């Protein structure tokens, strides 16, 4: 069910004949269908269901550990709002320093067009790099 090495086991089962007989290559091709169905049914469904149940039990136990199961829905919502409020950071505002060079550099760095210009430079660079090919003429080489 861990899907490790299952392909080798499948091919060994395909080559198997019967008890106390030498394996014969590709003697049981129906084994492939069995292994494919087994991998889908057991590995995907059963293993994922097991993991889902473990996660569900873990979350339930964590809730009981924090005693959140004793809160009403309104109290849970209130706690969620408090956690959200405490996790927020205040908005920082830049104040002009009087140094013209520094203020202009800040305005350029925070302007929305700078992101578009950088994106354009990256796109043009990628296009230029993709225009080279094997045995390209020397006149076209940069």
C-alpha atoms as a PDB file:
ATOM      1  CA  UNK A   1       0.000   0.000   0.000  1.00  0.00           C
ATOM      2  CA  UNK A   2       3.006   2.324   0.194  1.00  0.00           C
ATOM      3  CA  UNK A   3       3.438   1.946  -3.599  1.00  0.00           C
ATOM      4  CA  UNK A   4       7.136   1.276  -3.167  1.00  0.00           C
ATOM      5  CA  UNK A   5       8.427  -1.335  -5.573  1.00  0.00           C
ATOM      6  CA  UNK A   6       4.973  -2.463  -6.697  1.00  0.00           C
ATOM      7  CA  UNK A   7       5.889  -2.539 -10.381  1.00  0.00           C
ATOM      8  CA  UNK A   8       8.563  -5.181  -9.822  1.00  0.00           C
ATOM      9  CA  UNK A   9       6.132  -7.304  -7.813  1.00  0.00           C
ATOM     10  CA  UNK A  10       3.529  -6.920 -10.565  1.00  0.00           C
ATOM     11  CA  UNK A  11       5.915  -8.171 -13.257  1.00  0.00           C
ATOM     12  CA  UNK A  12       6.940 -11.102 -11.045  1.00  0.00           C
ATOM     13  CA  UNK A  13       3.243 -11.993 -10.685  1.00  0.00           C
ATOM     14  CA  UNK A  14       2.753 -11.729 -14.462  1.00  0.00           C
ATOM     15  CA  UNK A  15       5.647 -14.161 -15.015  1.00  0.00           C
ATOM     16  CA  UNK A  16       4.450 -16.649 -12.352  1.00  0.00           C
ATOM     17  CA  UNK A  17       2.912 -19.889 -13.588  1.00  0.00           C
ATOM     18  CA  UNK A  18       1.992 -22.306 -10.791  1.00  0.00           C
ATOM     19  CA  UNK A  19       3.490 -23.927  -7.690  1.00  0.00           C
ATOM     20  CA  UNK A  20       6.897 -25.625  -8.212  1.00  0.00           C
ATOM     21  CA  UNK A  21       7.143 -24.474 -11.836  1.00  0.00           C
ATOM     22  CA  UNK A  22       9.651 -22.178 -13.505  1.00  0.00           C
ATOM     23  CA  UNK A  23       8.363 -18.644 -14.251  1.00  0.00           C
ATOM     24  CA  UNK A  24       7.464 -18.004 -17.869  1.00  0.00           C
ATOM     25  CA  UNK A  25       7.619 -14.462 -19.219  1.00  0.00           C
ATOM     26  CA  UNK A  26       4.222 -12.785 -19.675  1.00  0.00           C
ATOM     27  CA  UNK A  27       2.235 -15.905 -18.771  1.00  0.00           C
ATOM     28  CA  UNK A  28      -0.511 -14.078 -16.833  1.00  0.00           C
ATOM     29  CA  UNK A  29      -1.341 -10.655 -18.322  1.00  0.00           C
ATOM     30  CA  UNK A  30      -4.541 -10.474 -16.263  1.00  0.00           C
ATOM     31  CA  UNK A  31      -2.348  -9.881 -13.223  1.00  0.00           C
ATOM     32  CA  UNK A  32      -1.650  -6.376 -14.560  1.00  0.00           C
ATOM     33  CA  UNK A  33      -5.349  -5.504 -14.289  1.00  0.00           C
ATOM     34  CA  UNK A  34      -5.469  -6.918 -10.754  1.00  0.00           C
ATOM     35  CA  UNK A  35      -2.477  -4.840  -9.647  1.00  0.00           C
ATOM     36  CA  UNK A  36      -3.832  -1.662 -11.251  1.00  0.00           C
ATOM     37  CA  UNK A  37      -7.180  -2.095  -9.492  1.00  0.00           C
ATOM     38  CA  UNK A  38      -5.401  -2.913  -6.240  1.00  0.00           C
ATOM     39  CA  UNK A  39      -3.285   0.222  -6.465  1.00  0.00           C
ATOM     40  CA  UNK A  40      -6.315   2.412  -7.148  1.00  0.00           C
ATOM     41  CA  UNK A  41      -8.547   0.832  -4.519  1.00  0.00           C
ATOM     42  CA  UNK A  42      -6.072   0.255  -1.717  1.00  0.00           C
ATOM     43  CA  UNK A  43      -3.439   2.874  -2.180  1.00  0.00           C
ATOM     44  CA  UNK A  44      -5.595   5.809  -3.175  1.00  0.00           C
ATOM     45  CA  UNK A  45      -8.860   5.194  -1.376  1.00  0.00           C
ATOM     46  CA  UNK A  46      -7.992   3.177   1.725  1.00  0.00           C
ATOM     47  CA  UNK A  47      -4.719   4.933   2.503  1.00  0.00           C
ATOM     48  CA  UNK A  48      -6.231   8.404   1.943  1.00  0.00           C
ATOM     49  CA  UNK A  49      -9.243   7.476   4.074  1.00  0.00           C
ATOM     50  CA  UNK A  50      -6.887   6.336   6.849  1.00  0.00           C
ATOM     51  CA  UNK A  51      -4.941   9.600   6.676  1.00  0.00           C
ATOM     52  CA  UNK A  52      -8.191  11.591   6.688  1.00  0.00           C
ATOM     53  CA  UNK A  53      -9.444   9.785   9.793  1.00  0.00           C
ATOM     54  CA  UNK A  54      -6.136  10.355  11.589  1.00  0.00           C
ATOM     55  CA  UNK A  55      -6.228  14.086  10.782  1.00  0.00           C
ATOM     56  CA  UNK A  56      -9.874  14.340  11.859  1.00  0.00           C
ATOM     57  CA  UNK A  57      -9.165  12.648  15.202  1.00  0.00           C
ATOM     58  CA  UNK A  58      -6.100  14.850  15.705  1.00  0.00           C
ATOM     59  CA  UNK A  59      -8.121  18.041  15.121  1.00  0.00           C
ATOM     60  CA  UNK A  60     -10.890  16.869  17.472  1.00  0.00           C
ATOM     61  CA  UNK A  61      -8.386  16.038  20.230  1.00  0.00           C
ATOM     62  CA  UNK A  62      -6.659  19.392  19.726  1.00  0.00           C
ATOM     63  CA  UNK A  63      -9.994  21.190  20.107  1.00  0.00           C
ATOM     64  CA  UNK A  64     -10.695  19.325  23.337  1.00  0.00           C
ATOM     65  CA  UNK A  65      -7.197  20.006  24.597  1.00  0.00           C
ATOM     66  CA  UNK A  66      -7.696  23.743  24.126  1.00  0.00           C
ATOM     67  CA  UNK A  67     -11.197  23.399  25.639  1.00  0.00           C
ATOM     68  CA  UNK A  68     -12.753  24.992  22.582  1.00  0.00           C
ATOM     69  CA  UNK A  69     -15.525  22.414  22.681  1.00  0.00           C
ATOM     70  CA  UNK A  70     -16.969  24.232  25.694  1.00  0.00           C
ATOM     71  CA  UNK A  71     -17.351  27.540  23.834  1.00  0.00           C
ATOM     72  CA  UNK A  72     -20.516  28.604  22.083  1.00  0.00           C
ATOM     73  CA  UNK A  73     -20.388  29.537  18.413  1.00  0.00           C
ATOM     74  CA  UNK A  74     -20.517  33.253  19.287  1.00  0.00           C
ATOM     75  CA  UNK A  75     -17.565  32.853  21.670  1.00  0.00           C
ATOM     76  CA  UNK A  76     -15.575  30.981  18.993  1.00  0.00           C
ATOM     77  CA  UNK A  77     -16.264  33.754  16.498  1.00  0.00           C
ATOM     78  CA  UNK A  78     -15.175  36.340  19.062  1.00  0.00           C
ATOM     79  CA  UNK A  79     -11.913  34.444  19.682  1.00  0.00           C
ATOM     80  CA  UNK A  80     -11.297  34.215  15.932  1.00  0.00           C
ATOM     81  CA  UNK A  81     -11.806  37.989  15.589  1.00  0.00           C
ATOM     82  CA  UNK A  82      -9.384  38.652  18.466  1.00  0.00           C
ATOM     83  CA  UNK A  83      -6.744  36.365  16.961  1.00  0.00           C
ATOM     84  CA  UNK A  84      -7.167  38.109  13.603  1.00  0.00           C
ATOM     85  CA  UNK A  85      -6.901  41.576  15.179  1.00  0.00           C
ATOM     86  CA  UNK A  86      -3.782  40.707  17.177  1.00  0.00           C
ATOM     87  CA  UNK A  87      -2.072  39.178  14.148  1.00  0.00           C
ATOM     88  CA  UNK A  88      -2.397  42.337  12.036  1.00  0.00           C
ATOM     89  CA  UNK A  89       0.420  44.841  11.662  1.00  0.00           C
ATOM     90  CA  UNK A  90      -0.139  48.570  11.440  1.00  0.00           C
ATOM     91  CA  UNK A  91       0.235  50.194   8.037  1.00  0.00           C
ATOM     92  CA  UNK A  92       3.560  51.959   7.779  1.00  0.00           C
ATOM     93  CA  UNK A  93       3.551  55.282   6.007  1.00  0.00           C
ATOM     94  CA  UNK A  94       6.674  56.839   4.532  1.00  0.00           C
ATOM     95  CA  UNK A  95       7.299  60.423   5.516  1.00  0.00           C
ATOM     96  CA  UNK A  96       9.412  62.693   3.389  1.00  0.00           C
ATOM     97  CA  UNK A  97      12.842  63.245   4.901  1.00  0.00           C
ATOM     98  CA  UNK A  98      13.763  66.432   3.105  1.00  0.00           C
ATOM     99  CA  UNK A  99      16.612  64.670   1.309  1.00  0.00           C
ATOM    100  CA  UNK A 100      15.551  65.029  -2.324  1.00  0.00           C
ATOM    101  CA  UNK A 101      17.635  62.123  -3.624  1.00  0.00           C
ATOM    102  CA  UNK A 102      16.321  59.715  -1.009  1.00  0.00           C
ATOM    103  CA  UNK A 103      12.703  60.805  -1.519  1.00  0.00           C
ATOM    104  CA  UNK A 104      12.942  60.466  -5.329  1.00  0.00           C
ATOM    105  CA  UNK A 105      14.514  57.000  -4.988  1.00  0.00           C
ATOM    106  CA  UNK A 106      11.676  55.954  -2.680  1.00  0.00           C
ATOM    107  CA  UNK A 107       9.049  57.253  -5.115  1.00  0.00           C
ATOM    108  CA  UNK A 108      10.656  55.367  -8.013  1.00  0.00           C
ATOM    109  CA  UNK A 109      10.993  52.139  -6.016  1.00  0.00           C
ATOM    110  CA  UNK A 110       7.357  52.166  -4.865  1.00  0.00           C
ATOM    111  CA  UNK A 111       5.791  53.298  -8.143  1.00  0.00           C
ATOM    112  CA  UNK A 112       3.566  50.656  -9.774  1.00  0.00           C
ATOM    113  CA  UNK A 113       5.209  51.175 -13.175  1.00  0.00           C
ATOM    114  CA  UNK A 114       8.549  49.873 -11.848  1.00  0.00           C
ATOM    115  CA  UNK A 115       7.050  46.370 -11.478  1.00  0.00           C
ATOM    116  CA  UNK A 116       5.757  46.538 -15.048  1.00  0.00           C
ATOM    117  CA  UNK A 117       9.154  47.724 -16.316  1.00  0.00           C
ATOM    118  CA  UNK A 118      10.978  44.882 -14.542  1.00  0.00           C
ATOM    119  CA  UNK A 119       8.467  42.372 -15.924  1.00  0.00           C
ATOM    120  CA  UNK A 120       9.001  43.783 -19.421  1.00  0.00           C
ATOM    121  CA  UNK A 121      12.797  43.501 -19.037  1.00  0.00           C
ATOM    122  CA  UNK A 122      12.528  39.871 -17.937  1.00  0.00           C
ATOM    123  CA  UNK A 123      10.174  39.069 -20.841  1.00  0.00           C
ATOM    124  CA  UNK A 124      12.426  40.724 -23.436  1.00  0.00           C
ATOM    125  CA  UNK A 125      15.468  38.958 -21.971  1.00  0.00           C
ATOM    126  CA  UNK A 126      13.696  35.591 -22.172  1.00  0.00           C
ATOM    127  CA  UNK A 127      12.680  36.212 -25.781  1.00  0.00           C
ATOM    128  CA  UNK A 128      16.225  37.254 -26.721  1.00  0.00           C
ATOM    129  CA  UNK A 129      17.688  34.150 -25.077  1.00  0.00           C
ATOM    130  CA  UNK A 130      15.179  31.907 -26.860  1.00  0.00           C
ATOM    131  CA  UNK A 131      16.142  33.244 -30.286  1.00  0.00           C
ATOM    132  CA  UNK A 132      19.381  31.258 -30.423  1.00  0.00           C
ATOM    133  CA  UNK A 133      19.532  27.745 -31.862  1.00  0.00           C
ATOM    134  CA  UNK A 134      21.957  25.056 -32.847  1.00  0.00           C
ATOM    135  CA  UNK A 135      23.984  25.838 -36.011  1.00  0.00           C
ATOM    136  CA  UNK A 136      22.606  29.342 -36.220  1.00  0.00           C
ATOM    137  CA  UNK A 137      24.319  31.620 -38.778  1.00  0.00           C
ATOM    138  CA  UNK A 138      27.189  33.716 -37.485  1.00  0.00           C
ATOM    139  CA  UNK A 139      25.474  36.909 -38.681  1.00  0.00           C
ATOM    140  CA  UNK A 140      22.609  36.331 -36.235  1.00  0.00           C
ATOM    141  CA  UNK A 141      24.762  35.446 -33.237  1.00  0.00           C
ATOM    142  CA  UNK A 142      24.941  38.192 -30.658  1.00  0.00           C
END
